[in-house]
Amino acid sequence: MGASRGISISLDGVRDKNVMQLKKLNTALFPVRYNDKYYTDALASGEFTKLILGFWFYELGNGDLRIELCLSLDYDINCSLGVLWILGLCFYVLRSYYSDICVGSIACRLEKECGAFRVYIMTLGVLAPYRGLGIGTKLLNHVLDLCSKQNIAEIYLHVQTNNEDAINFYKKFGFEITDTIQNYYTNITPPDCYVLTKYISQPQSKK
């Protein structure tokens, strides 16, 4: 199965009518079951919680080559008369269909401490078949950009100590391990977690 790279990814907000999609995604992604407060916080965070929804799926043929790929809803393609052009290569569209499945999300909680807000990333996850498409990066950058625009200087999360992929992912964005909490998790092994924190420099105001 081949997948397109460099696709344009659309974000959708979480609302009462689609929060069930976030619940289903969390069930598929995480070993932890989240309570009602999690979803209340996610809804209350507004733009800080987002879903990735809506993909076109194409089965393509080019001589002896057959591939299947997924494209986000706003991907700009030249597709007509059953032909799809990708990077200058011509493929015949053997089959195509649309699915509005939720393939990734970021859910945050806004916290107020000492008169200033900070952001806690409760979850960030992407279904396995859709990883490597830049979805996680798009979601995290969206939240980091919001923090900068709203003068929020601190964003943090908890990561299981053996989750090296997640730790390395966040470090690429400037997060650092600032604490270790023993026995943070109750039903998974290992039960310990790291606290990863990023402090965001605020732009100097012009005088």
C-alpha atoms as a PDB file:
ATOM      1  CA  MET A   1       0.000   0.000   0.000  1.00  0.00           C
ATOM      2  CA  GLY A   2       1.439   3.364  -1.044  1.00  0.00           C
ATOM      3  CA  ALA A   3       0.598   6.675   0.588  1.00  0.00           C
ATOM      4  CA  SER A   4       0.835  10.238  -0.637  1.00  0.00           C
ATOM      5  CA  ARG A   5       3.349  12.528   1.057  1.00  0.00           C
ATOM      6  CA  GLY A   6       3.126  16.291   1.565  1.00  0.00           C
ATOM      7  CA  ILE A   7      -0.683  16.303   1.595  1.00  0.00           C
ATOM      8  CA  SER A   8      -2.709  19.277   2.747  1.00  0.00           C
ATOM      9  CA  ILE A   9      -4.488  18.381   5.967  1.00  0.00           C
ATOM     10  CA  SER A  10      -7.732  19.908   7.232  1.00  0.00           C
ATOM     11  CA  LEU A  11      -8.563  20.323  10.924  1.00  0.00           C
ATOM     12  CA  ASP A  12     -12.076  20.083  12.328  1.00  0.00           C
ATOM     13  CA  GLY A  13     -13.235  21.320  15.714  1.00  0.00           C
ATOM     14  CA  VAL A  14     -14.734  19.070  18.383  1.00  0.00           C
ATOM     15  CA  ARG A  15     -18.400  19.717  19.148  1.00  0.00           C
ATOM     16  CA  ASP A  16     -21.208  17.936  20.947  1.00  0.00           C
ATOM     17  CA  LYS A  17     -22.372  16.356  17.697  1.00  0.00           C
ATOM     18  CA  ASN A  18     -19.001  14.811  16.808  1.00  0.00           C
ATOM     19  CA  VAL A  19     -17.415  14.162  20.199  1.00  0.00           C
ATOM     20  CA  MET A  20     -18.329  10.487  19.775  1.00  0.00           C
ATOM     21  CA  GLN A  21     -15.762  10.274  16.984  1.00  0.00           C
ATOM     22  CA  LEU A  22     -13.093  11.427  19.421  1.00  0.00           C
ATOM     23  CA  LYS A  23     -14.229   8.760  21.889  1.00  0.00           C
ATOM     24  CA  LYS A  24     -14.006   6.021  19.251  1.00  0.00           C
ATOM     25  CA  LEU A  25     -10.564   7.197  18.169  1.00  0.00           C
ATOM     26  CA  ASN A  26      -9.289   7.211  21.754  1.00  0.00           C
ATOM     27  CA  THR A  27     -10.568   3.661  22.255  1.00  0.00           C
ATOM     28  CA  ALA A  28      -8.612   2.514  19.194  1.00  0.00           C
ATOM     29  CA  LEU A  29      -5.416   4.396  20.093  1.00  0.00           C
ATOM     30  CA  PHE A  30      -4.891   4.345  23.837  1.00  0.00           C
ATOM     31  CA  PRO A  31      -4.914   1.712  26.599  1.00  0.00           C
ATOM     32  CA  VAL A  32      -6.399   4.284  28.994  1.00  0.00           C
ATOM     33  CA  ARG A  33     -10.156   4.865  29.222  1.00  0.00           C
ATOM     34  CA  TYR A  34     -10.985   8.534  29.608  1.00  0.00           C
ATOM     35  CA  ASN A  35     -13.761   9.795  31.858  1.00  0.00           C
ATOM     36  CA  ASP A  36     -16.402  12.428  31.212  1.00  0.00           C
ATOM     37  CA  LYS A  37     -14.183  15.209  32.560  1.00  0.00           C
ATOM     38  CA  TYR A  38     -11.678  14.569  29.774  1.00  0.00           C
ATOM     39  CA  TYR A  39     -14.330  15.236  27.138  1.00  0.00           C
ATOM     40  CA  THR A  40     -15.739  18.214  29.038  1.00  0.00           C
ATOM     41  CA  ASP A  41     -12.239  19.738  29.153  1.00  0.00           C
ATOM     42  CA  ALA A  42     -11.677  18.969  25.475  1.00  0.00           C
ATOM     43  CA  LEU A  43     -14.904  20.701  24.462  1.00  0.00           C
ATOM     44  CA  ALA A  44     -14.143  23.666  26.738  1.00  0.00           C
ATOM     45  CA  SER A  45     -10.689  24.158  25.194  1.00  0.00           C
ATOM     46  CA  GLY A  46     -12.219  25.345  21.916  1.00  0.00           C
ATOM     47  CA  GLU A  47      -9.600  25.657  19.166  1.00  0.00           C
ATOM     48  CA  PHE A  48      -7.051  23.734  21.233  1.00  0.00           C
ATOM     49  CA  THR A  49      -8.796  20.423  20.463  1.00  0.00           C
ATOM     50  CA  LYS A  50      -8.960  19.272  16.842  1.00  0.00           C
ATOM     51  CA  LEU A  51      -9.836  16.227  14.725  1.00  0.00           C
ATOM     52  CA  ILE A  52      -8.577  15.107  11.325  1.00  0.00           C
ATOM     53  CA  LEU A  53     -11.642  14.115   9.284  1.00  0.00           C
ATOM     54  CA  GLY A  54     -12.363  13.336   5.650  1.00  0.00           C
ATOM     55  CA  PHE A  55     -10.206  11.354   3.243  1.00  0.00           C
ATOM     56  CA  TRP A  56     -10.539  10.203  -0.343  1.00  0.00           C
ATOM     57  CA  PHE A  57      -9.216   6.716  -1.037  1.00  0.00           C
ATOM     58  CA  TYR A  58      -7.893   5.821  -4.494  1.00  0.00           C
ATOM     59  CA  GLU A  59      -6.875   2.498  -5.989  1.00  0.00           C
ATOM     60  CA  LEU A  60      -4.539   3.339  -8.877  1.00  0.00           C
ATOM     61  CA  GLY A  61      -2.943   1.426 -11.730  1.00  0.00           C
ATOM     62  CA  ASN A  62       0.043   2.283 -13.941  1.00  0.00           C
ATOM     63  CA  GLY A  63       1.141  -0.622 -16.090  1.00  0.00           C
ATOM     64  CA  ASP A  64       2.230  -3.351 -13.698  1.00  0.00           C
ATOM     65  CA  LEU A  65       2.118  -0.979 -10.712  1.00  0.00           C
ATOM     66  CA  ARG A  66      -0.968  -0.871  -8.501  1.00  0.00           C
ATOM     67  CA  ILE A  67      -1.128   1.285  -5.387  1.00  0.00           C
ATOM     68  CA  GLU A  68      -3.703   2.538  -2.938  1.00  0.00           C
ATOM     69  CA  LEU A  69      -3.443   5.936  -1.297  1.00  0.00           C
ATOM     70  CA  CYS A  70      -5.476   8.293   0.825  1.00  0.00           C
ATOM     71  CA  LEU A  71      -5.794  12.027   0.272  1.00  0.00           C
ATOM     72  CA  SER A  72      -7.228  14.625   2.596  1.00  0.00           C
ATOM     73  CA  LEU A  73     -10.389  16.418   1.550  1.00  0.00           C
ATOM     74  CA  ASP A  74      -8.660  19.583   0.358  1.00  0.00           C
ATOM     75  CA  TYR A  75      -5.781  17.952  -1.518  1.00  0.00           C
ATOM     76  CA  ASP A  76      -5.303  19.705  -4.860  1.00  0.00           C
ATOM     77  CA  ILE A  77      -5.186  17.045  -7.571  1.00  0.00           C
ATOM     78  CA  ASN A  78      -5.722  16.931 -11.313  1.00  0.00           C
ATOM     79  CA  CYS A  79      -8.199  14.084 -11.599  1.00  0.00           C
ATOM     80  CA  SER A  80     -10.417  13.784 -14.669  1.00  0.00           C
ATOM     81  CA  LEU A  81     -11.693  11.049 -16.969  1.00  0.00           C
ATOM     82  CA  GLY A  82     -10.476   8.377 -14.603  1.00  0.00           C
ATOM     83  CA  VAL A  83      -6.878   9.611 -14.613  1.00  0.00           C
ATOM     84  CA  LEU A  84      -4.916  10.904 -11.612  1.00  0.00           C
ATOM     85  CA  TRP A  85      -1.661  12.830 -12.047  1.00  0.00           C
ATOM     86  CA  ILE A  86       0.810  12.673  -9.147  1.00  0.00           C
ATOM     87  CA  LEU A  87       4.234  14.297  -9.416  1.00  0.00           C
ATOM     88  CA  GLY A  88       4.018  14.169 -13.192  1.00  0.00           C
ATOM     89  CA  LEU A  89       3.139  10.461 -13.319  1.00  0.00           C
ATOM     90  CA  CYS A  90      -0.112   9.275 -14.843  1.00  0.00           C
ATOM     91  CA  PHE A  91      -2.212   6.679 -13.005  1.00  0.00           C
ATOM     92  CA  TYR A  92      -5.573   5.210 -13.972  1.00  0.00           C
ATOM     93  CA  VAL A  93      -8.152   5.443 -11.196  1.00  0.00           C
ATOM     94  CA  LEU A  94      -9.433   1.901 -10.737  1.00  0.00           C
ATOM     95  CA  ARG A  95     -11.617   2.712  -7.745  1.00  0.00           C
ATOM     96  CA  SER A  96     -12.260   5.679  -5.465  1.00  0.00           C
ATOM     97  CA  TYR A  97     -14.457   6.387  -2.452  1.00  0.00           C
ATOM     98  CA  TYR A  98     -14.814   8.970   0.296  1.00  0.00           C
ATOM     99  CA  SER A  99     -14.748   8.282   4.019  1.00  0.00           C
ATOM    100  CA  ASP A 100     -15.300  10.771   6.813  1.00  0.00           C
ATOM    101  CA  ILE A 101     -13.541   8.625   9.411  1.00  0.00           C
ATOM    102  CA  CYS A 102     -11.589  10.333  12.150  1.00  0.00           C
ATOM    103  CA  VAL A 103      -7.934   9.340  11.770  1.00  0.00           C
ATOM    104  CA  GLY A 104      -6.202  11.638  14.264  1.00  0.00           C
ATOM    105  CA  SER A 105      -6.775  14.162  17.023  1.00  0.00           C
ATOM    106  CA  ILE A 106      -5.237  16.409  19.631  1.00  0.00           C
ATOM    107  CA  ALA A 107      -7.131  17.159  22.833  1.00  0.00           C
ATOM    108  CA  CYS A 108      -5.983  19.796  25.299  1.00  0.00           C
ATOM    109  CA  ARG A 109      -6.993  21.319  28.613  1.00  0.00           C
ATOM    110  CA  LEU A 110      -6.505  24.964  29.517  1.00  0.00           C
ATOM    111  CA  GLU A 111      -5.184  25.455  33.043  1.00  0.00           C
ATOM    112  CA  LYS A 112      -4.850  28.695  34.992  1.00  0.00           C
ATOM    113  CA  GLU A 113      -1.969  28.972  37.438  1.00  0.00           C
ATOM    114  CA  CYS A 114      -0.784  32.120  39.221  1.00  0.00           C
ATOM    115  CA  GLY A 115      -2.971  34.234  36.962  1.00  0.00           C
ATOM    116  CA  ALA A 116      -1.539  32.838  33.713  1.00  0.00           C
ATOM    117  CA  PHE A 117      -2.833  30.120  31.418  1.00  0.00           C
ATOM    118  CA  ARG A 118      -0.896  27.051  30.366  1.00  0.00           C
ATOM    119  CA  VAL A 119      -1.892  24.206  28.052  1.00  0.00           C
ATOM    120  CA  TYR A 120      -1.917  20.531  28.957  1.00  0.00           C
ATOM    121  CA  ILE A 121      -1.950  18.085  26.035  1.00  0.00           C
ATOM    122  CA  MET A 122      -4.244  15.307  27.232  1.00  0.00           C
ATOM    123  CA  THR A 123      -3.861  13.202  24.082  1.00  0.00           C
ATOM    124  CA  LEU A 124      -2.370  13.366  20.613  1.00  0.00           C
ATOM    125  CA  GLY A 125      -2.706  10.335  18.381  1.00  0.00           C
ATOM    126  CA  VAL A 126      -3.001   9.141  14.780  1.00  0.00           C
ATOM    127  CA  LEU A 127      -4.260   5.772  13.576  1.00  0.00           C
ATOM    128  CA  ALA A 128      -1.381   3.555  12.431  1.00  0.00           C
ATOM    129  CA  PRO A 129      -2.226   3.442   8.674  1.00  0.00           C
ATOM    130  CA  TYR A 130      -2.145   7.257   8.519  1.00  0.00           C
ATOM    131  CA  ARG A 131       1.115   7.886  10.342  1.00  0.00           C
ATOM    132  CA  GLY A 132       3.972   9.417   8.403  1.00  0.00           C
ATOM    133  CA  LEU A 133       1.644  11.799   6.534  1.00  0.00           C
ATOM    134  CA  GLY A 134       2.413  14.787   8.753  1.00  0.00           C
ATOM    135  CA  ILE A 135      -0.872  14.612  10.654  1.00  0.00           C
ATOM    136  CA  GLY A 136       0.667  14.611  14.138  1.00  0.00           C
ATOM    137  CA  THR A 137       2.962  17.470  13.161  1.00  0.00           C
ATOM    138  CA  LYS A 138       0.025  19.473  11.803  1.00  0.00           C
ATOM    139  CA  LEU A 139      -1.965  18.958  15.011  1.00  0.00           C
ATOM    140  CA  LEU A 140       0.883  19.881  17.331  1.00  0.00           C
ATOM    141  CA  ASN A 141       1.934  22.915  15.293  1.00  0.00           C
ATOM    142  CA  HIS A 142      -1.668  24.139  15.373  1.00  0.00           C
ATOM    143  CA  VAL A 143      -1.652  24.141  19.175  1.00  0.00           C
ATOM    144  CA  LEU A 144       1.828  25.671  19.415  1.00  0.00           C
ATOM    145  CA  ASP A 145       0.757  28.466  17.070  1.00  0.00           C
ATOM    146  CA  LEU A 146      -2.315  29.121  19.217  1.00  0.00           C
ATOM    147  CA  CYS A 147      -0.129  29.330  22.312  1.00  0.00           C
ATOM    148  CA  SER A 148       2.062  31.946  20.648  1.00  0.00           C
ATOM    149  CA  LYS A 149      -0.903  33.996  19.442  1.00  0.00           C
ATOM    150  CA  GLN A 150      -2.585  33.894  22.864  1.00  0.00           C
ATOM    151  CA  ASN A 151       0.605  34.606  24.831  1.00  0.00           C
ATOM    152  CA  ILE A 152       0.564  31.220  26.547  1.00  0.00           C
ATOM    153  CA  ALA A 153       4.128  30.528  27.607  1.00  0.00           C
ATOM    154  CA  GLU A 154       3.937  26.907  28.820  1.00  0.00           C
ATOM    155  CA  ILE A 155       2.639  23.684  27.302  1.00  0.00           C
ATOM    156  CA  TYR A 156       3.196  20.223  28.790  1.00  0.00           C
ATOM    157  CA  LEU A 157       2.110  16.593  28.736  1.00  0.00           C
ATOM    158  CA  HIS A 158       2.754  13.184  30.277  1.00  0.00           C
ATOM    159  CA  VAL A 159       4.422  10.392  28.308  1.00  0.00           C
ATOM    160  CA  GLN A 160       4.992   6.800  29.391  1.00  0.00           C
ATOM    161  CA  THR A 161       8.697   6.323  30.097  1.00  0.00           C
ATOM    162  CA  ASN A 162       9.114   3.541  27.509  1.00  0.00           C
ATOM    163  CA  ASN A 163       7.372   5.429  24.685  1.00  0.00           C
ATOM    164  CA  GLU A 164      10.543   6.452  22.883  1.00  0.00           C
ATOM    165  CA  ASP A 165       8.769   7.326  19.634  1.00  0.00           C
ATOM    166  CA  ALA A 166       6.550   9.877  21.382  1.00  0.00           C
ATOM    167  CA  ILE A 167       9.443  11.283  23.425  1.00  0.00           C
ATOM    168  CA  ASN A 168      11.569  11.778  20.311  1.00  0.00           C
ATOM    169  CA  PHE A 169       8.629  13.304  18.445  1.00  0.00           C
ATOM    170  CA  TYR A 170       8.047  15.973  21.083  1.00  0.00           C
ATOM    171  CA  LYS A 171      11.750  16.697  21.488  1.00  0.00           C
ATOM    172  CA  LYS A 172      11.848  17.682  17.806  1.00  0.00           C
ATOM    173  CA  PHE A 173       9.481  20.520  18.728  1.00  0.00           C
ATOM    174  CA  GLY A 174      11.541  21.744  21.656  1.00  0.00           C
ATOM    175  CA  PHE A 175       9.928  19.807  24.505  1.00  0.00           C
ATOM    176  CA  GLU A 176      12.214  18.688  27.316  1.00  0.00           C
ATOM    177  CA  ILE A 177      11.840  16.141  30.100  1.00  0.00           C
ATOM    178  CA  THR A 178      11.258  18.231  33.223  1.00  0.00           C
ATOM    179  CA  ASP A 179      10.087  15.604  35.709  1.00  0.00           C
ATOM    180  CA  THR A 180       9.510  11.884  36.271  1.00  0.00           C
ATOM    181  CA  ILE A 181       6.405  10.654  38.087  1.00  0.00           C
ATOM    182  CA  GLN A 182       6.462   7.180  39.569  1.00  0.00           C
ATOM    183  CA  ASN A 183       3.296   5.050  39.341  1.00  0.00           C
ATOM    184  CA  TYR A 184       1.399   7.671  37.344  1.00  0.00           C
ATOM    185  CA  TYR A 185      -0.555   5.028  35.426  1.00  0.00           C
ATOM    186  CA  THR A 186      -2.619   2.400  37.199  1.00  0.00           C
ATOM    187  CA  ASN A 187      -3.450  -0.221  34.546  1.00  0.00           C
ATOM    188  CA  ILE A 188      -0.477  -0.214  32.164  1.00  0.00           C
ATOM    189  CA  THR A 189       3.183  -1.222  32.403  1.00  0.00           C
ATOM    190  CA  PRO A 190       5.481   0.501  33.033  1.00  0.00           C
ATOM    191  CA  PRO A 191       3.374   2.746  35.288  1.00  0.00           C
ATOM    192  CA  ASP A 192       5.878   5.638  35.301  1.00  0.00           C
ATOM    193  CA  CYS A 193       5.768   8.725  33.098  1.00  0.00           C
ATOM    194  CA  TYR A 194       7.884  11.677  32.094  1.00  0.00           C
ATOM    195  CA  VAL A 195       6.595  15.228  32.135  1.00  0.00           C
ATOM    196  CA  LEU A 196       7.574  16.903  28.862  1.00  0.00           C
ATOM    197  CA  THR A 197       7.415  20.691  28.844  1.00  0.00           C
ATOM    198  CA  LYS A 198       7.965  23.411  26.272  1.00  0.00           C
ATOM    199  CA  TYR A 199       8.347  27.049  27.257  1.00  0.00           C
ATOM    200  CA  ILE A 200       7.310  29.349  24.445  1.00  0.00           C
ATOM    201  CA  SER A 201       9.139  32.632  24.049  1.00  0.00           C
ATOM    202  CA  GLN A 202       6.747  35.515  23.682  1.00  0.00           C
ATOM    203  CA  PRO A 203       7.467  38.246  21.117  1.00  0.00           C
ATOM    204  CA  GLN A 204       8.732  41.514  22.550  1.00  0.00           C
ATOM    205  CA  SER A 205       6.202  44.303  22.311  1.00  0.00           C
ATOM    206  CA  LYS A 206       7.290  47.323  20.312  1.00  0.00           C
ATOM    207  CA  LYS A 207       7.605  50.536  22.278  1.00  0.00           C
END
